[in-house]
Amino acid sequence: MTVSHSERQQATTRALAEHGAAPGALLPVLHAIQDALGYIPDDALDSIAAHLNLSRADVHGVISFYHDFKHAPPARRVLRLCRAEACQSMGGAALEAALRQRLGLGPDENVSGDGIALEAAYCFGACACAPNAMLDGELHGRLDLETLEALARGVAEVEP
């Protein structure tokens, strides 16, 4: 999804107007912008910082600290694999390695040619069903290699 400069400005202006400049408004403003656009564009940082009387570095620091804030437009589909202890003890690392191979992703790559982003997560609160993954917000538990590959094949075959 391509977002125009005008759409980015409107989302930023709307979020700043909605949450004001009160102390503690930074996180709600960032969430509002990300909810509207799917990410927080770099060109919004100066407006946010000026409105909240913060430095650009303060705003960037918060965005980079929280992994759920995105700096770039999101991939077509997002598959998050749990890396917490319960999922790791149930073979999560081997499943991730197999999925990376299936998607053709190297160790430092996170988005496949099919537009599928593979992200780490650190517990979905479903440890009894480990190993777990979340595809576009839907939790899938008790994964084995066959199930995860079928899930990945389904993702790869879905048209944008």
N, C-alpha and C. Protein backbone atom coordinates (compact mmCIF):
# COMPACT_ATOMS: atom_id res chain seq x y z
N MET A 1 0.85 -1.18 0.00
CA MET A 1 0.00 0.00 0.00
C MET A 1 0.89 1.24 0.00
N THR A 2 0.72 2.06 -0.99
CA THR A 2 1.46 3.30 -1.07
C THR A 2 0.63 4.41 -0.45
N VAL A 3 1.25 5.17 0.43
CA VAL A 3 0.57 6.26 1.11
C VAL A 3 1.17 7.56 0.61
N SER A 4 0.32 8.48 0.18
CA SER A 4 0.81 9.76 -0.35
C SER A 4 1.28 10.67 0.79
N HIS A 5 2.05 11.67 0.40
CA HIS A 5 2.52 12.66 1.38
C HIS A 5 1.34 13.34 2.05
N SER A 6 0.30 13.65 1.30
CA SER A 6 -0.89 14.30 1.85
C SER A 6 -1.58 13.41 2.88
N GLU A 7 -1.69 12.11 2.58
CA GLU A 7 -2.31 11.17 3.53
C GLU A 7 -1.48 11.08 4.81
N ARG A 8 -0.16 11.08 4.67
CA ARG A 8 0.70 11.02 5.86
C ARG A 8 0.53 12.27 6.71
N GLN A 9 0.47 13.43 6.06
CA GLN A 9 0.28 14.69 6.80
C GLN A 9 -1.07 14.71 7.50
N GLN A 10 -2.11 14.26 6.81
CA GLN A 10 -3.45 14.27 7.40
C GLN A 10 -3.52 13.34 8.62
N ALA A 11 -2.92 12.18 8.52
CA ALA A 11 -2.94 11.23 9.64
C ALA A 11 -2.18 11.81 10.84
N THR A 12 -1.07 12.46 10.57
CA THR A 12 -0.28 13.06 11.65
C THR A 12 -1.04 14.21 12.29
N THR A 13 -1.58 15.08 11.48
CA THR A 13 -2.33 16.24 11.99
C THR A 13 -3.53 15.77 12.82
N ARG A 14 -4.25 14.78 12.33
CA ARG A 14 -5.42 14.25 13.04
C ARG A 14 -5.01 13.65 14.38
N ALA A 15 -3.92 12.89 14.41
CA ALA A 15 -3.46 12.27 15.66
C ALA A 15 -3.03 13.32 16.67
N LEU A 16 -2.33 14.35 16.20
CA LEU A 16 -1.88 15.40 17.11
C LEU A 16 -3.06 16.21 17.64
N ALA A 17 -4.05 16.47 16.80
CA ALA A 17 -5.23 17.22 17.25
C ALA A 17 -6.04 16.40 18.24
N GLU A 18 -6.12 15.09 18.00
CA GLU A 18 -6.91 14.21 18.86
C GLU A 18 -6.29 14.05 20.25
N HIS A 19 -4.97 14.02 20.33
CA HIS A 19 -4.32 13.72 21.61
C HIS A 19 -3.66 14.92 22.25
N GLY A 20 -3.67 16.07 21.61
CA GLY A 20 -3.14 17.29 22.21
C GLY A 20 -1.65 17.21 22.48
N ALA A 21 -1.21 18.07 23.39
CA ALA A 21 0.21 18.15 23.71
C ALA A 21 0.47 17.84 25.18
N ALA A 22 -0.44 17.15 25.80
CA ALA A 22 -0.29 16.84 27.22
C ALA A 22 0.87 15.87 27.44
N PRO A 23 1.49 15.92 28.62
CA PRO A 23 2.54 14.93 28.92
C PRO A 23 1.97 13.51 28.77
N GLY A 24 2.72 12.66 28.17
CA GLY A 24 2.26 11.28 27.98
C GLY A 24 1.48 11.07 26.69
N ALA A 25 1.38 12.11 25.87
CA ALA A 25 0.61 11.98 24.62
C ALA A 25 1.40 11.28 23.51
N LEU A 26 2.70 11.12 23.68
CA LEU A 26 3.51 10.58 22.58
C LEU A 26 3.06 9.19 22.15
N LEU A 27 2.90 8.28 23.08
CA LEU A 27 2.51 6.92 22.68
C LEU A 27 1.13 6.89 22.02
N PRO A 28 0.11 7.55 22.58
CA PRO A 28 -1.19 7.55 21.86
C PRO A 28 -1.10 8.17 20.47
N VAL A 29 -0.28 9.22 20.31
CA VAL A 29 -0.12 9.83 18.98
C VAL A 29 0.53 8.83 18.02
N LEU A 30 1.58 8.16 18.47
CA LEU A 30 2.26 7.19 17.60
C LEU A 30 1.33 6.03 17.23
N HIS A 31 0.57 5.55 18.21
CA HIS A 31 -0.39 4.47 17.91
C HIS A 31 -1.44 4.94 16.90
N ALA A 32 -1.94 6.16 17.06
CA ALA A 32 -2.96 6.66 16.13
C ALA A 32 -2.42 6.75 14.71
N ILE A 33 -1.20 7.23 14.57
CA ILE A 33 -0.61 7.34 13.23
C ILE A 33 -0.39 5.96 12.64
N GLN A 34 0.14 5.04 13.45
CA GLN A 34 0.36 3.69 12.92
C GLN A 34 -0.94 2.99 12.59
N ASP A 35 -1.97 3.22 13.40
CA ASP A 35 -3.28 2.62 13.09
C ASP A 35 -3.81 3.15 11.76
N ALA A 36 -3.56 4.42 11.48
CA ALA A 36 -4.07 5.03 10.26
C ALA A 36 -3.27 4.62 9.03
N LEU A 37 -1.95 4.53 9.16
CA LEU A 37 -1.10 4.32 7.99
C LEU A 37 -0.45 2.93 7.93
N GLY A 38 -0.39 2.25 9.06
CA GLY A 38 0.31 0.97 9.11
C GLY A 38 1.76 1.12 9.53
N TYR A 39 2.23 2.35 9.61
CA TYR A 39 3.59 2.64 10.04
C TYR A 39 3.68 4.10 10.41
N ILE A 40 4.84 4.49 10.96
CA ILE A 40 5.07 5.89 11.32
C ILE A 40 6.13 6.44 10.36
N PRO A 41 5.72 7.30 9.43
CA PRO A 41 6.67 7.81 8.44
C PRO A 41 7.69 8.74 9.06
N ASP A 42 8.89 8.73 8.50
CA ASP A 42 9.96 9.60 8.99
C ASP A 42 9.57 11.07 8.92
N ASP A 43 8.81 11.45 7.88
CA ASP A 43 8.47 12.87 7.74
C ASP A 43 7.45 13.34 8.77
N ALA A 44 6.94 12.44 9.61
CA ALA A 44 6.02 12.84 10.68
C ALA A 44 6.77 13.19 11.97
N LEU A 45 8.01 12.76 12.09
CA LEU A 45 8.74 12.93 13.35
C LEU A 45 8.93 14.39 13.75
N ASP A 46 9.25 15.25 12.80
CA ASP A 46 9.46 16.67 13.13
C ASP A 46 8.16 17.31 13.63
N SER A 47 7.05 17.00 13.00
CA SER A 47 5.76 17.55 13.44
C SER A 47 5.39 17.06 14.84
N ILE A 48 5.60 15.80 15.07
CA ILE A 48 5.29 15.22 16.38
C ILE A 48 6.18 15.86 17.45
N ALA A 49 7.47 15.94 17.17
CA ALA A 49 8.40 16.50 18.14
C ALA A 49 8.06 17.95 18.45
N ALA A 50 7.79 18.76 17.43
CA ALA A 50 7.46 20.17 17.66
C ALA A 50 6.17 20.32 18.46
N HIS A 51 5.17 19.53 18.11
CA HIS A 51 3.88 19.63 18.79
C HIS A 51 3.97 19.22 20.26
N LEU A 52 4.78 18.23 20.56
CA LEU A 52 4.87 17.71 21.94
C LEU A 52 6.05 18.31 22.70
N ASN A 53 6.74 19.29 22.09
CA ASN A 53 7.89 19.94 22.71
C ASN A 53 8.97 18.92 23.11
N LEU A 54 9.24 18.03 22.18
CA LEU A 54 10.27 17.00 22.35
C LEU A 54 11.30 17.17 21.24
N SER A 55 12.42 16.51 21.39
CA SER A 55 13.38 16.51 20.28
C SER A 55 13.01 15.40 19.31
N ARG A 56 13.49 15.52 18.08
CA ARG A 56 13.27 14.46 17.08
C ARG A 56 13.89 13.16 17.59
N ALA A 57 15.02 13.27 18.29
CA ALA A 57 15.68 12.09 18.83
C ALA A 57 14.81 11.40 19.89
N ASP A 58 14.10 12.20 20.70
CA ASP A 58 13.19 11.59 21.69
C ASP A 58 12.12 10.75 20.99
N VAL A 59 11.53 11.31 19.95
CA VAL A 59 10.46 10.61 19.23
C VAL A 59 11.02 9.36 18.55
N HIS A 60 12.15 9.53 17.88
CA HIS A 60 12.78 8.39 17.21
C HIS A 60 13.15 7.30 18.23
N GLY A 61 13.64 7.71 19.39
CA GLY A 61 14.02 6.75 20.43
C GLY A 61 12.85 5.90 20.89
N VAL A 62 11.69 6.51 21.04
CA VAL A 62 10.51 5.75 21.46
C VAL A 62 10.08 4.80 20.35
N ILE A 63 10.08 5.27 19.11
CA ILE A 63 9.67 4.41 17.99
C ILE A 63 10.61 3.21 17.85
N SER A 64 11.90 3.46 17.99
CA SER A 64 12.85 2.35 17.81
C SER A 64 12.89 1.43 19.02
N PHE A 65 12.49 1.91 20.21
CA PHE A 65 12.48 1.06 21.39
C PHE A 65 11.38 0.00 21.33
N TYR A 66 10.20 0.41 20.88
CA TYR A 66 9.07 -0.52 20.82
C TYR A 66 9.03 -1.19 19.45
N HIS A 67 9.23 -2.50 19.43
CA HIS A 67 9.33 -3.24 18.17
C HIS A 67 8.03 -3.24 17.37
N ASP A 68 6.91 -2.98 18.01
CA ASP A 68 5.65 -2.99 17.26
C ASP A 68 5.44 -1.73 16.44
N PHE A 69 6.21 -0.68 16.71
CA PHE A 69 6.14 0.50 15.84
C PHE A 69 6.97 0.24 14.59
N LYS A 70 6.40 0.51 13.44
CA LYS A 70 7.05 0.25 12.15
C LYS A 70 7.55 1.55 11.54
N HIS A 71 8.72 1.50 10.89
CA HIS A 71 9.33 2.66 10.24
C HIS A 71 8.99 2.72 8.75
N ALA A 72 8.51 1.63 8.21
CA ALA A 72 8.25 1.56 6.77
C ALA A 72 6.87 0.94 6.55
N PRO A 73 6.31 1.14 5.38
CA PRO A 73 5.00 0.51 5.10
C PRO A 73 5.06 -0.99 5.36
N PRO A 74 3.98 -1.55 5.89
CA PRO A 74 3.99 -2.96 6.24
C PRO A 74 3.98 -3.86 5.01
N ALA A 75 4.46 -5.09 5.21
CA ALA A 75 4.41 -6.10 4.15
C ALA A 75 2.95 -6.47 3.91
N ARG A 76 2.73 -7.15 2.81
CA ARG A 76 1.37 -7.57 2.44
C ARG A 76 0.77 -8.45 3.53
N ARG A 77 1.53 -9.36 4.07
CA ARG A 77 1.08 -10.25 5.15
C ARG A 77 2.19 -10.32 6.19
N VAL A 78 1.81 -10.48 7.46
CA VAL A 78 2.79 -10.54 8.55
C VAL A 78 2.59 -11.85 9.32
N LEU A 79 3.65 -12.64 9.38
CA LEU A 79 3.65 -13.88 10.14
C LEU A 79 4.64 -13.72 11.28
N ARG A 80 4.11 -13.74 12.49
CA ARG A 80 4.95 -13.56 13.67
C ARG A 80 5.13 -14.91 14.35
N LEU A 81 6.38 -15.29 14.55
CA LEU A 81 6.70 -16.55 15.21
C LEU A 81 7.15 -16.27 16.63
N CYS A 82 6.60 -17.00 17.57
CA CYS A 82 6.95 -16.81 18.98
C CYS A 82 8.34 -17.38 19.25
N ARG A 83 9.15 -16.58 19.93
CA ARG A 83 10.50 -17.01 20.30
C ARG A 83 10.65 -17.12 21.81
N ALA A 84 9.56 -17.11 22.53
CA ALA A 84 9.63 -17.22 23.99
C ALA A 84 9.99 -18.65 24.39
N GLU A 85 10.28 -18.83 25.67
CA GLU A 85 10.83 -20.09 26.17
C GLU A 85 9.96 -21.30 25.84
N ALA A 86 8.67 -21.21 26.07
CA ALA A 86 7.80 -22.37 25.84
C ALA A 86 7.83 -22.80 24.37
N CYS A 87 7.75 -21.84 23.48
CA CYS A 87 7.76 -22.17 22.05
C CYS A 87 9.13 -22.69 21.62
N GLN A 88 10.19 -22.12 22.19
CA GLN A 88 11.53 -22.62 21.86
C GLN A 88 11.72 -24.05 22.35
N SER A 89 11.20 -24.34 23.53
CA SER A 89 11.36 -25.70 24.07
C SER A 89 10.55 -26.73 23.28
N MET A 90 9.59 -26.25 22.50
CA MET A 90 8.77 -27.16 21.70
C MET A 90 9.17 -27.13 20.22
N GLY A 91 10.38 -26.66 19.93
CA GLY A 91 10.89 -26.74 18.56
C GLY A 91 10.66 -25.49 17.72
N GLY A 92 10.40 -24.37 18.33
CA GLY A 92 10.14 -23.14 17.58
C GLY A 92 11.29 -22.72 16.69
N ALA A 93 12.52 -22.87 17.15
CA ALA A 93 13.67 -22.46 16.34
C ALA A 93 13.78 -23.29 15.07
N ALA A 94 13.54 -24.59 15.18
CA ALA A 94 13.61 -25.46 13.99
C ALA A 94 12.49 -25.11 13.02
N LEU A 95 11.31 -24.79 13.55
CA LEU A 95 10.21 -24.39 12.67
C LEU A 95 10.54 -23.09 11.93
N GLU A 96 11.12 -22.14 12.65
CA GLU A 96 11.48 -20.88 12.02
C GLU A 96 12.51 -21.11 10.92
N ALA A 97 13.50 -21.95 11.19
CA ALA A 97 14.53 -22.24 10.19
C ALA A 97 13.90 -22.87 8.94
N ALA A 98 12.97 -23.80 9.16
CA ALA A 98 12.31 -24.45 8.02
C ALA A 98 11.47 -23.45 7.24
N LEU A 99 10.79 -22.56 7.94
CA LEU A 99 9.97 -21.57 7.26
C LEU A 99 10.83 -20.58 6.48
N ARG A 100 11.95 -20.16 7.08
CA ARG A 100 12.86 -19.25 6.37
C ARG A 100 13.33 -19.89 5.07
N GLN A 101 13.63 -21.17 5.12
CA GLN A 101 14.06 -21.88 3.92
C GLN A 101 12.92 -21.91 2.91
N ARG A 102 11.70 -22.18 3.38
CA ARG A 102 10.52 -22.24 2.50
C ARG A 102 10.28 -20.90 1.80
N LEU A 103 10.49 -19.80 2.55
CA LEU A 103 10.24 -18.47 2.00
C LEU A 103 11.46 -17.90 1.27
N GLY A 104 12.58 -18.62 1.34
CA GLY A 104 13.79 -18.15 0.68
C GLY A 104 14.42 -16.97 1.38
N LEU A 105 14.28 -16.90 2.69
CA LEU A 105 14.83 -15.79 3.46
C LEU A 105 16.17 -16.16 4.07
N GLY A 106 17.13 -15.25 3.94
CA GLY A 106 18.41 -15.42 4.59
C GLY A 106 18.29 -15.04 6.05
N PRO A 107 19.38 -15.20 6.81
CA PRO A 107 19.32 -14.92 8.25
C PRO A 107 18.99 -13.47 8.58
N ASP A 108 19.35 -12.53 7.71
CA ASP A 108 19.10 -11.11 7.99
C ASP A 108 17.93 -10.55 7.20
N GLU A 109 17.22 -11.39 6.48
CA GLU A 109 16.09 -10.93 5.68
C GLU A 109 14.79 -11.24 6.41
N ASN A 110 13.83 -10.32 6.33
CA ASN A 110 12.56 -10.53 7.01
C ASN A 110 11.34 -10.44 6.11
N VAL A 111 11.52 -10.04 4.85
CA VAL A 111 10.38 -9.94 3.94
C VAL A 111 10.69 -10.75 2.69
N SER A 112 9.80 -11.68 2.37
CA SER A 112 10.01 -12.54 1.21
C SER A 112 9.59 -11.82 -0.07
N GLY A 113 9.93 -12.41 -1.17
CA GLY A 113 9.52 -11.88 -2.46
C GLY A 113 8.01 -11.91 -2.65
N ASP A 114 7.32 -12.72 -1.87
CA ASP A 114 5.86 -12.80 -1.93
C ASP A 114 5.19 -11.72 -1.08
N GLY A 115 5.99 -10.86 -0.43
CA GLY A 115 5.42 -9.81 0.42
C GLY A 115 5.02 -10.31 1.79
N ILE A 116 5.63 -11.39 2.25
CA ILE A 116 5.34 -11.93 3.56
C ILE A 116 6.45 -11.52 4.52
N ALA A 117 6.09 -10.82 5.57
CA ALA A 117 7.07 -10.41 6.58
C ALA A 117 7.09 -11.45 7.69
N LEU A 118 8.26 -11.88 8.03
CA LEU A 118 8.45 -12.82 9.13
C LEU A 118 9.03 -12.03 10.30
N GLU A 119 8.28 -11.99 11.40
CA GLU A 119 8.70 -11.20 12.55
C GLU A 119 8.77 -12.08 13.79
N ALA A 120 9.64 -11.67 14.69
CA ALA A 120 9.74 -12.36 15.98
C ALA A 120 8.69 -11.80 16.93
N ALA A 121 8.20 -12.65 17.78
CA ALA A 121 7.28 -12.23 18.86
C ALA A 121 7.79 -12.91 20.12
N TYR A 122 7.46 -12.32 21.24
CA TYR A 122 7.95 -12.88 22.50
C TYR A 122 6.80 -13.15 23.44
N CYS A 123 5.98 -14.06 23.06
CA CYS A 123 4.88 -14.64 23.82
C CYS A 123 3.53 -14.05 23.43
N PHE A 124 2.65 -14.94 23.03
CA PHE A 124 1.27 -14.58 22.72
C PHE A 124 0.35 -14.93 23.89
N GLY A 125 0.92 -15.46 24.97
CA GLY A 125 0.11 -15.87 26.11
C GLY A 125 -0.62 -17.18 25.88
N ALA A 126 -0.13 -17.99 24.97
CA ALA A 126 -0.76 -19.28 24.67
C ALA A 126 0.29 -20.39 24.78
N CYS A 127 1.08 -20.34 25.83
CA CYS A 127 2.22 -21.26 25.98
C CYS A 127 1.79 -22.73 26.01
N ALA A 128 0.59 -23.00 26.49
CA ALA A 128 0.11 -24.38 26.54
C ALA A 128 -0.06 -24.96 25.14
N CYS A 129 -0.15 -24.11 24.15
CA CYS A 129 -0.34 -24.54 22.76
C CYS A 129 0.93 -24.36 21.93
N ALA A 130 2.09 -24.25 22.58
CA ALA A 130 3.36 -24.02 21.87
C ALA A 130 3.71 -25.19 20.96
N PRO A 131 4.43 -24.87 19.87
CA PRO A 131 4.87 -23.56 19.40
C PRO A 131 3.75 -22.83 18.67
N ASN A 132 3.80 -21.49 18.76
CA ASN A 132 2.74 -20.64 18.24
C ASN A 132 3.26 -19.68 17.18
N ALA A 133 2.34 -19.26 16.32
CA ALA A 133 2.60 -18.21 15.35
C ALA A 133 1.32 -17.40 15.20
N MET A 134 1.46 -16.17 14.76
CA MET A 134 0.30 -15.32 14.51
C MET A 134 0.40 -14.80 13.09
N LEU A 135 -0.63 -15.09 12.30
CA LEU A 135 -0.69 -14.62 10.92
C LEU A 135 -1.74 -13.54 10.82
N ASP A 136 -1.31 -12.31 10.52
CA ASP A 136 -2.23 -11.17 10.39
C ASP A 136 -3.18 -11.08 11.57
N GLY A 137 -2.66 -11.32 12.77
CA GLY A 137 -3.44 -11.18 13.99
C GLY A 137 -4.19 -12.42 14.42
N GLU A 138 -4.15 -13.50 13.63
CA GLU A 138 -4.84 -14.74 14.00
C GLU A 138 -3.82 -15.74 14.55
N LEU A 139 -4.08 -16.21 15.77
CA LEU A 139 -3.16 -17.12 16.45
C LEU A 139 -3.30 -18.55 15.93
N HIS A 140 -2.16 -19.19 15.70
CA HIS A 140 -2.11 -20.59 15.29
C HIS A 140 -1.20 -21.31 16.27
N GLY A 141 -1.72 -22.33 16.93
CA GLY A 141 -0.95 -23.03 17.94
C GLY A 141 -0.71 -24.48 17.62
N ARG A 142 0.13 -25.09 18.47
CA ARG A 142 0.51 -26.50 18.32
C ARG A 142 1.02 -26.77 16.90
N LEU A 143 1.88 -25.88 16.44
CA LEU A 143 2.39 -25.99 15.07
C LEU A 143 3.40 -27.11 14.96
N ASP A 144 3.33 -27.81 13.87
CA ASP A 144 4.40 -28.72 13.50
C ASP A 144 4.86 -28.28 12.10
N LEU A 145 5.88 -28.91 11.61
CA LEU A 145 6.44 -28.47 10.33
C LEU A 145 5.40 -28.54 9.21
N GLU A 146 4.63 -29.61 9.18
CA GLU A 146 3.62 -29.77 8.13
C GLU A 146 2.58 -28.64 8.18
N THR A 147 2.10 -28.34 9.39
CA THR A 147 1.08 -27.29 9.54
C THR A 147 1.66 -25.92 9.19
N LEU A 148 2.87 -25.64 9.64
CA LEU A 148 3.48 -24.34 9.36
C LEU A 148 3.75 -24.19 7.86
N GLU A 149 4.20 -25.24 7.21
CA GLU A 149 4.43 -25.16 5.77
C GLU A 149 3.12 -24.95 5.02
N ALA A 150 2.05 -25.61 5.46
CA ALA A 150 0.74 -25.41 4.83
C ALA A 150 0.28 -23.96 5.04
N LEU A 151 0.52 -23.43 6.22
CA LEU A 151 0.17 -22.05 6.50
C LEU A 151 0.97 -21.11 5.60
N ALA A 152 2.26 -21.35 5.47
CA ALA A 152 3.11 -20.52 4.61
C ALA A 152 2.70 -20.64 3.15
N ARG A 153 2.37 -21.84 2.70
CA ARG A 153 1.92 -22.03 1.31
C ARG A 153 0.64 -21.24 1.07
N GLY A 154 -0.26 -21.27 2.03
CA GLY A 154 -1.51 -20.53 1.91
C GLY A 154 -1.26 -19.04 1.84
N VAL A 155 -0.32 -18.55 2.63
CA VAL A 155 0.02 -17.14 2.61
C VAL A 155 0.62 -16.77 1.27
N ALA A 156 1.51 -17.60 0.78
CA ALA A 156 2.19 -17.29 -0.47
C ALA A 156 1.23 -17.31 -1.65
N GLU A 157 0.16 -18.11 -1.56
CA GLU A 157 -0.76 -18.24 -2.68
C GLU A 157 -1.87 -17.19 -2.68
N VAL A 158 -2.04 -16.47 -1.56
CA VAL A 158 -3.09 -15.47 -1.48
C VAL A 158 -2.69 -14.25 -2.29
N GLU A 159 -3.58 -13.78 -3.11
CA GLU A 159 -3.32 -12.57 -3.90
C GLU A 159 -3.43 -11.35 -3.00
N PRO A 160 -2.67 -10.29 -3.30
CA PRO A 160 -2.73 -9.07 -2.48
C PRO A 160 -4.09 -8.41 -2.55
